[in-house]
């Protein structure tokens, strides 16, 4: 007897879509977070160099992405590559989940579908922009927390309070 295959329902509940999109976004964020951290450190390094030059100090040469990441590992430890990942993951849970559910709601609403039950390209573009804006509105406060956590290790190395 062949095993029974169950097909997924055509329309999953919105909660399932929220959870699946949040999980996918969280994994993607954790994998790419060290790149974001090194980018932020390089940006701050440039600002700090300008401040030091203004105070009569010398500029710190840019080390590039790879050398910056290696420097973080050597000076602060490998786990510091994920310093600030928690608010970034929270941000993606909120942003991706809200964006996916909002887009589905806009697409499935009476305003979304035309007379032939299709979703025209222009409505898809406007719906995508609106869903992205809604998601970003709810997720943006975590960006500030993320950057502050990313810089905490650097501030401690410089003898500054966290």
C-alpha atoms as a PDB file:
ATOM      1  CA  UNK A   1       0.000   0.000   0.000  1.00  0.00           C
ATOM      2  CA  UNK A   2       1.422   3.396  -1.033  1.00  0.00           C
ATOM      3  CA  UNK A   3       1.907   6.032   1.644  1.00  0.00           C
ATOM      4  CA  UNK A   4      -0.765   8.671   1.698  1.00  0.00           C
ATOM      5  CA  UNK A   5       0.400  12.122   0.603  1.00  0.00           C
ATOM      6  CA  UNK A   6      -1.399  15.074   2.041  1.00  0.00           C
ATOM      7  CA  UNK A   7      -1.356  18.279   0.051  1.00  0.00           C
ATOM      8  CA  UNK A   8      -0.900  21.570   1.818  1.00  0.00           C
ATOM      9  CA  UNK A   9      -4.029  23.672   1.942  1.00  0.00           C
ATOM     10  CA  UNK A  10      -4.336  26.271  -0.805  1.00  0.00           C
ATOM     11  CA  UNK A  11      -4.693  29.041   1.724  1.00  0.00           C
ATOM     12  CA  UNK A  12      -2.643  28.638   4.854  1.00  0.00           C
ATOM     13  CA  UNK A  13      -3.752  30.559   7.886  1.00  0.00           C
ATOM     14  CA  UNK A  14      -2.055  33.924   8.193  1.00  0.00           C
ATOM     15  CA  UNK A  15      -0.346  32.828  11.411  1.00  0.00           C
ATOM     16  CA  UNK A  16       1.406  29.978   9.579  1.00  0.00           C
ATOM     17  CA  UNK A  17       2.663  32.380   6.923  1.00  0.00           C
ATOM     18  CA  UNK A  18       3.838  34.773   9.627  1.00  0.00           C
ATOM     19  CA  UNK A  19       5.747  32.030  11.456  1.00  0.00           C
ATOM     20  CA  UNK A  20       7.332  30.573   8.313  1.00  0.00           C
ATOM     21  CA  UNK A  21       8.448  33.947   6.976  1.00  0.00           C
ATOM     22  CA  UNK A  22       9.784  34.969  10.390  1.00  0.00           C
ATOM     23  CA  UNK A  23      11.792  31.737  10.698  1.00  0.00           C
ATOM     24  CA  UNK A  24      13.265  32.091   7.213  1.00  0.00           C
ATOM     25  CA  UNK A  25      14.199  35.726   7.833  1.00  0.00           C
ATOM     26  CA  UNK A  26      15.756  34.859  11.203  1.00  0.00           C
ATOM     27  CA  UNK A  27      18.020  32.210   9.698  1.00  0.00           C
ATOM     28  CA  UNK A  28      19.056  34.577   6.910  1.00  0.00           C
ATOM     29  CA  UNK A  29      19.825  37.326   9.434  1.00  0.00           C
ATOM     30  CA  UNK A  30      21.934  35.060  11.639  1.00  0.00           C
ATOM     31  CA  UNK A  31      23.971  33.842   8.665  1.00  0.00           C
ATOM     32  CA  UNK A  32      24.663  37.319   7.277  1.00  0.00           C
ATOM     33  CA  UNK A  33      24.921  39.244  10.551  1.00  0.00           C
ATOM     34  CA  UNK A  34      28.754  39.255  10.758  1.00  0.00           C
ATOM     35  CA  UNK A  35      28.792  41.174   7.455  1.00  0.00           C
ATOM     36  CA  UNK A  36      26.413  43.765   8.897  1.00  0.00           C
ATOM     37  CA  UNK A  37      28.539  44.103  12.032  1.00  0.00           C
ATOM     38  CA  UNK A  38      31.751  44.676  10.067  1.00  0.00           C
ATOM     39  CA  UNK A  39      29.976  47.223   7.835  1.00  0.00           C
ATOM     40  CA  UNK A  40      28.758  49.108  10.901  1.00  0.00           C
ATOM     41  CA  UNK A  41      32.211  49.028  12.493  1.00  0.00           C
ATOM     42  CA  UNK A  42      33.778  50.396   9.292  1.00  0.00           C
ATOM     43  CA  UNK A  43      31.220  53.204   9.178  1.00  0.00           C
ATOM     44  CA  UNK A  44      31.857  54.134  12.797  1.00  0.00           C
ATOM     45  CA  UNK A  45      35.625  53.876  12.263  1.00  0.00           C
ATOM     46  CA  UNK A  46      35.391  56.606   9.636  1.00  0.00           C
ATOM     47  CA  UNK A  47      33.384  58.870  11.932  1.00  0.00           C
ATOM     48  CA  UNK A  48      35.790  58.258  14.829  1.00  0.00           C
ATOM     49  CA  UNK A  49      38.789  59.016  12.582  1.00  0.00           C
ATOM     50  CA  UNK A  50      37.293  62.359  11.576  1.00  0.00           C
ATOM     51  CA  UNK A  51      36.743  63.211  15.235  1.00  0.00           C
ATOM     52  CA  UNK A  52      40.332  62.266  16.142  1.00  0.00           C
ATOM     53  CA  UNK A  53      41.737  64.380  13.295  1.00  0.00           C
ATOM     54  CA  UNK A  54      39.712  67.332  14.578  1.00  0.00           C
ATOM     55  CA  UNK A  55      41.251  66.813  18.034  1.00  0.00           C
ATOM     56  CA  UNK A  56      44.787  66.671  16.630  1.00  0.00           C
ATOM     57  CA  UNK A  57      44.898  62.861  16.476  1.00  0.00           C
ATOM     58  CA  UNK A  58      45.604  60.589  13.557  1.00  0.00           C
ATOM     59  CA  UNK A  59      43.197  58.747  11.321  1.00  0.00           C
ATOM     60  CA  UNK A  60      42.754  54.993  11.599  1.00  0.00           C
ATOM     61  CA  UNK A  61      43.313  53.367   8.205  1.00  0.00           C
ATOM     62  CA  UNK A  62      40.394  51.438   6.796  1.00  0.00           C
ATOM     63  CA  UNK A  63      41.089  47.741   7.060  1.00  0.00           C
ATOM     64  CA  UNK A  64      38.396  46.423   4.727  1.00  0.00           C
ATOM     65  CA  UNK A  65      35.637  43.926   5.502  1.00  0.00           C
ATOM     66  CA  UNK A  66      37.787  40.818   5.945  1.00  0.00           C
ATOM     67  CA  UNK A  67      40.513  42.466   8.029  1.00  0.00           C
ATOM     68  CA  UNK A  68      37.884  44.197  10.153  1.00  0.00           C
ATOM     69  CA  UNK A  69      36.162  40.862  10.840  1.00  0.00           C
ATOM     70  CA  UNK A  70      39.517  39.239  11.672  1.00  0.00           C
ATOM     71  CA  UNK A  71      40.318  42.166  13.972  1.00  0.00           C
ATOM     72  CA  UNK A  72      37.010  41.759  15.800  1.00  0.00           C
ATOM     73  CA  UNK A  73      37.697  38.049  16.312  1.00  0.00           C
ATOM     74  CA  UNK A  74      41.265  38.680  17.536  1.00  0.00           C
ATOM     75  CA  UNK A  75      40.460  41.644  19.786  1.00  0.00           C
ATOM     76  CA  UNK A  76      37.024  40.697  21.112  1.00  0.00           C
ATOM     77  CA  UNK A  77      36.431  37.010  20.351  1.00  0.00           C
ATOM     78  CA  UNK A  78      34.515  35.155  17.659  1.00  0.00           C
ATOM     79  CA  UNK A  79      31.141  35.457  19.377  1.00  0.00           C
ATOM     80  CA  UNK A  80      31.339  39.255  19.085  1.00  0.00           C
ATOM     81  CA  UNK A  81      30.653  38.838  15.360  1.00  0.00           C
ATOM     82  CA  UNK A  82      27.056  38.305  16.484  1.00  0.00           C
ATOM     83  CA  UNK A  83      27.002  41.210  18.998  1.00  0.00           C
ATOM     84  CA  UNK A  84      23.603  42.833  18.483  1.00  0.00           C
ATOM     85  CA  UNK A  85      22.079  39.902  16.610  1.00  0.00           C
ATOM     86  CA  UNK A  86      19.158  39.565  19.028  1.00  0.00           C
ATOM     87  CA  UNK A  87      17.436  42.856  18.106  1.00  0.00           C
ATOM     88  CA  UNK A  88      18.263  42.198  14.440  1.00  0.00           C
ATOM     89  CA  UNK A  89      16.473  38.853  14.607  1.00  0.00           C
ATOM     90  CA  UNK A  90      13.536  40.471  16.426  1.00  0.00           C
ATOM     91  CA  UNK A  91      13.446  43.112  13.708  1.00  0.00           C
ATOM     92  CA  UNK A  92      13.261  40.495  10.993  1.00  0.00           C
ATOM     93  CA  UNK A  93      10.604  38.524  12.825  1.00  0.00           C
ATOM     94  CA  UNK A  94       8.445  41.631  13.020  1.00  0.00           C
ATOM     95  CA  UNK A  95       9.336  43.058   9.600  1.00  0.00           C
ATOM     96  CA  UNK A  96       9.066  39.884   7.529  1.00  0.00           C
ATOM     97  CA  UNK A  97       6.068  38.529   9.374  1.00  0.00           C
ATOM     98  CA  UNK A  98       4.075  41.756   9.207  1.00  0.00           C
ATOM     99  CA  UNK A  99       5.119  42.380   5.589  1.00  0.00           C
ATOM    100  CA  UNK A 100       4.046  38.928   4.410  1.00  0.00           C
ATOM    101  CA  UNK A 101       0.722  38.982   6.239  1.00  0.00           C
ATOM    102  CA  UNK A 102      -0.025  42.573   5.166  1.00  0.00           C
ATOM    103  CA  UNK A 103       0.731  41.745   1.531  1.00  0.00           C
ATOM    104  CA  UNK A 104      -1.485  38.658   1.652  1.00  0.00           C
ATOM    105  CA  UNK A 105      -4.284  40.702   3.199  1.00  0.00           C
ATOM    106  CA  UNK A 106      -3.955  43.440   0.582  1.00  0.00           C
ATOM    107  CA  UNK A 107      -3.841  40.901  -2.240  1.00  0.00           C
ATOM    108  CA  UNK A 108      -6.852  38.951  -0.990  1.00  0.00           C
ATOM    109  CA  UNK A 109      -8.989  41.984  -0.151  1.00  0.00           C
ATOM    110  CA  UNK A 110     -11.812  43.084  -2.457  1.00  0.00           C
ATOM    111  CA  UNK A 111      -9.695  46.098  -3.453  1.00  0.00           C
ATOM    112  CA  UNK A 112      -6.853  43.852  -4.576  1.00  0.00           C
ATOM    113  CA  UNK A 113      -8.439  41.521  -7.076  1.00  0.00           C
ATOM    114  CA  UNK A 114     -10.012  42.714 -10.288  1.00  0.00           C
ATOM    115  CA  UNK A 115     -13.189  41.524 -11.942  1.00  0.00           C
ATOM    116  CA  UNK A 116     -11.443  38.427 -13.287  1.00  0.00           C
ATOM    117  CA  UNK A 117     -10.071  37.517  -9.839  1.00  0.00           C
ATOM    118  CA  UNK A 118      -6.531  38.418 -10.906  1.00  0.00           C
ATOM    119  CA  UNK A 119      -3.998  40.630  -9.201  1.00  0.00           C
ATOM    120  CA  UNK A 120      -2.633  43.130 -11.753  1.00  0.00           C
ATOM    121  CA  UNK A 121       1.056  44.031 -11.697  1.00  0.00           C
ATOM    122  CA  UNK A 122       0.487  47.628 -10.662  1.00  0.00           C
ATOM    123  CA  UNK A 123      -1.580  46.500  -7.672  1.00  0.00           C
ATOM    124  CA  UNK A 124       1.133  43.987  -6.737  1.00  0.00           C
ATOM    125  CA  UNK A 125       3.746  46.767  -6.796  1.00  0.00           C
ATOM    126  CA  UNK A 126       1.632  49.156  -4.733  1.00  0.00           C
ATOM    127  CA  UNK A 127       0.658  46.354  -2.341  1.00  0.00           C
ATOM    128  CA  UNK A 128       4.298  45.323  -1.932  1.00  0.00           C
ATOM    129  CA  UNK A 129       5.365  48.894  -1.214  1.00  0.00           C
ATOM    130  CA  UNK A 130       2.552  49.373   1.291  1.00  0.00           C
ATOM    131  CA  UNK A 131       3.258  46.055   3.021  1.00  0.00           C
ATOM    132  CA  UNK A 132       6.979  46.882   3.216  1.00  0.00           C
ATOM    133  CA  UNK A 133       6.252  50.314   4.671  1.00  0.00           C
ATOM    134  CA  UNK A 134       3.928  48.834   7.284  1.00  0.00           C
ATOM    135  CA  UNK A 135       6.507  46.204   8.245  1.00  0.00           C
ATOM    136  CA  UNK A 136       9.322  48.772   8.459  1.00  0.00           C
ATOM    137  CA  UNK A 137       7.190  51.085  10.591  1.00  0.00           C
ATOM    138  CA  UNK A 138       6.774  48.387  13.225  1.00  0.00           C
ATOM    139  CA  UNK A 139      10.345  47.060  13.003  1.00  0.00           C
ATOM    140  CA  UNK A 140      12.409  50.265  12.876  1.00  0.00           C
ATOM    141  CA  UNK A 141      12.923  50.802  16.647  1.00  0.00           C
ATOM    142  CA  UNK A 142      14.997  47.626  16.829  1.00  0.00           C
ATOM    143  CA  UNK A 143      17.538  49.028  14.326  1.00  0.00           C
ATOM    144  CA  UNK A 144      18.720  51.615  16.856  1.00  0.00           C
ATOM    145  CA  UNK A 145      19.112  48.975  19.557  1.00  0.00           C
ATOM    146  CA  UNK A 146      21.007  46.719  17.133  1.00  0.00           C
ATOM    147  CA  UNK A 147      23.591  49.368  16.195  1.00  0.00           C
ATOM    148  CA  UNK A 148      24.111  50.344  19.827  1.00  0.00           C
ATOM    149  CA  UNK A 149      24.742  46.701  20.742  1.00  0.00           C
ATOM    150  CA  UNK A 150      27.110  46.279  17.782  1.00  0.00           C
ATOM    151  CA  UNK A 151      29.240  49.158  19.028  1.00  0.00           C
ATOM    152  CA  UNK A 152      29.269  48.130  22.697  1.00  0.00           C
ATOM    153  CA  UNK A 153      32.347  45.896  22.334  1.00  0.00           C
ATOM    154  CA  UNK A 154      34.270  48.628  20.517  1.00  0.00           C
ATOM    155  CA  UNK A 155      33.411  51.191  23.214  1.00  0.00           C
ATOM    156  CA  UNK A 156      34.656  48.859  25.948  1.00  0.00           C
ATOM    157  CA  UNK A 157      37.967  48.344  24.128  1.00  0.00           C
ATOM    158  CA  UNK A 158      38.408  52.109  23.951  1.00  0.00           C
ATOM    159  CA  UNK A 159      37.764  52.389  27.707  1.00  0.00           C
ATOM    160  CA  UNK A 160      34.419  54.118  27.267  1.00  0.00           C
ATOM    161  CA  UNK A 161      31.275  53.233  29.204  1.00  0.00           C
ATOM    162  CA  UNK A 162      28.881  50.852  27.416  1.00  0.00           C
END
